[in-house]
Amino acid sequence: MKELIAWIVVAGFVFFLVILMRIKREEKRKREARAAIIPALQDAFVPGKRYHLHLVSGQILKDVELQGEGESGETSFWKWETMIVVKRKDEKRVFLRTGAVRWVEEA
């Protein structure tokens, strides 16, 4: 009886791996088909270039310079996710959560 249960577990695991491989193969096929129609951009955002950032809140940060991306982190009293760092015309830096930006347009 124990051997039968062990074989059922092994067969179930193999079945799960086969299904997972088929799903991954299908995702790869779709990604490649999409790339053949619409090529992916490698350098969509260029640090130092100026952009208009349209935020989820409806606010627009006009003519800001993209400086880079800050890493996520945590202190004893505050936790933050990955931040986009931009510089305004008055040289002040603004740190935005990546989820706060709805869309970006070149200035």
Protein backbone atom coordinates (compact mmCIF):
# COMPACT_ATOMS: atom_id res chain seq x y z
CA MET A 1 0.00 0.00 0.00
CA LYS A 2 2.82 2.44 0.87
CA GLU A 3 4.50 1.69 -2.45
CA LEU A 4 1.29 2.45 -4.32
CA ILE A 5 0.94 5.82 -2.56
CA ALA A 6 4.59 6.63 -3.32
CA TRP A 7 4.08 5.83 -7.03
CA ILE A 8 0.92 7.95 -7.11
CA VAL A 9 2.81 10.88 -5.57
CA VAL A 10 5.68 10.47 -8.06
CA ALA A 11 3.27 10.19 -11.01
CA GLY A 12 1.37 13.26 -9.80
CA PHE A 13 4.62 15.24 -9.51
CA VAL A 14 5.71 14.19 -13.02
CA PHE A 15 2.27 15.12 -14.37
CA PHE A 16 2.53 18.52 -12.66
CA LEU A 17 5.99 19.13 -14.21
CA VAL A 18 4.74 18.19 -17.68
CA ILE A 19 1.81 20.62 -17.37
CA LEU A 20 4.12 23.35 -16.07
CA MET A 21 6.53 22.83 -19.00
CA ARG A 22 3.65 23.07 -21.49
CA ILE A 23 2.45 26.32 -19.93
CA LYS A 24 5.97 27.81 -20.02
CA ARG A 25 6.41 26.71 -23.65
CA GLU A 26 3.09 28.35 -24.59
CA GLU A 27 4.04 31.59 -22.81
CA LYS A 28 7.37 31.62 -24.67
CA ARG A 29 5.63 30.99 -28.00
CA LYS A 30 3.22 33.88 -27.38
CA ARG A 31 6.07 36.19 -26.33
CA GLU A 32 8.05 35.34 -29.48
CA ALA A 33 4.99 35.84 -31.71
CA ARG A 34 4.33 39.23 -30.08
CA ALA A 35 8.01 40.22 -30.53
CA ALA A 36 7.81 39.34 -34.23
CA ILE A 37 4.88 41.76 -34.65
CA ILE A 38 5.91 44.49 -32.20
CA PRO A 39 9.63 44.59 -31.40
CA ALA A 40 10.59 45.24 -27.77
CA LEU A 41 12.52 48.42 -27.03
CA GLN A 42 15.76 47.91 -25.15
CA ASP A 43 16.35 51.47 -23.90
CA ALA A 44 12.87 52.90 -23.50
CA PHE A 45 13.90 55.42 -20.83
CA VAL A 46 17.22 57.22 -20.97
CA PRO A 47 18.69 58.70 -17.77
CA GLY A 48 19.34 62.41 -18.21
CA LYS A 49 16.55 62.84 -20.74
CA ARG A 50 13.50 64.97 -19.89
CA TYR A 51 9.98 63.57 -19.61
CA HIS A 52 6.43 64.48 -18.61
CA LEU A 53 5.23 61.98 -15.98
CA HIS A 54 1.47 61.43 -15.73
CA LEU A 55 0.71 60.07 -12.29
CA VAL A 56 -2.12 57.83 -11.13
CA SER A 57 -3.42 60.72 -8.99
CA GLY A 58 -3.96 62.82 -12.14
CA GLN A 59 -1.03 65.13 -11.39
CA ILE A 60 1.49 65.76 -14.16
CA LEU A 61 5.17 66.34 -13.46
CA LYS A 62 6.28 68.32 -16.49
CA ASP A 63 9.77 68.49 -17.88
CA VAL A 64 11.53 66.37 -15.26
CA GLU A 65 14.88 64.70 -15.81
CA LEU A 66 14.98 60.97 -15.23
CA GLN A 67 17.90 60.24 -12.92
CA GLY A 68 17.44 56.57 -12.24
CA GLU A 69 15.83 54.04 -9.99
CA GLY A 70 16.27 53.64 -6.26
CA GLU A 71 16.13 50.20 -4.70
CA SER A 72 13.47 49.06 -2.28
CA GLY A 73 14.36 48.92 1.38
CA GLU A 74 13.20 48.93 4.93
CA THR A 75 14.05 50.65 8.19
CA SER A 76 12.67 49.98 11.65
CA PHE A 77 9.81 52.42 11.06
CA TRP A 78 9.34 52.64 7.28
CA LYS A 79 9.26 50.27 4.30
CA TRP A 80 9.44 51.42 0.69
CA GLU A 81 9.30 49.83 -2.72
CA THR A 82 11.40 50.56 -5.78
CA MET A 83 11.39 54.29 -6.49
CA ILE A 84 11.86 56.30 -9.67
CA VAL A 85 14.12 59.29 -9.08
CA VAL A 86 13.54 62.42 -11.16
CA LYS A 87 14.93 65.95 -10.92
CA ARG A 88 12.72 69.02 -11.40
CA LYS A 89 13.88 72.22 -13.11
CA ASP A 90 14.55 73.80 -9.69
CA GLU A 91 17.12 70.99 -9.09
CA LYS A 92 15.01 69.32 -6.38
CA ARG A 93 14.75 65.55 -6.64
CA VAL A 94 11.42 63.73 -6.51
CA PHE A 95 11.14 60.10 -5.48
CA LEU A 96 8.10 58.28 -6.90
CA ARG A 97 6.84 54.78 -6.31
CA THR A 98 6.92 52.89 -9.59
CA GLY A 99 3.19 52.19 -9.25
CA ALA A 100 2.43 55.93 -8.99
CA VAL A 101 3.31 56.59 -12.66
CA ARG A 102 0.48 55.91 -15.09
CA TRP A 103 2.28 56.85 -18.30
CA VAL A 104 5.31 58.78 -19.56
CA GLU A 105 5.79 61.08 -22.51
CA GLU A 106 8.99 62.61 -23.85
CA ALA A 107 9.31 66.33 -23.15
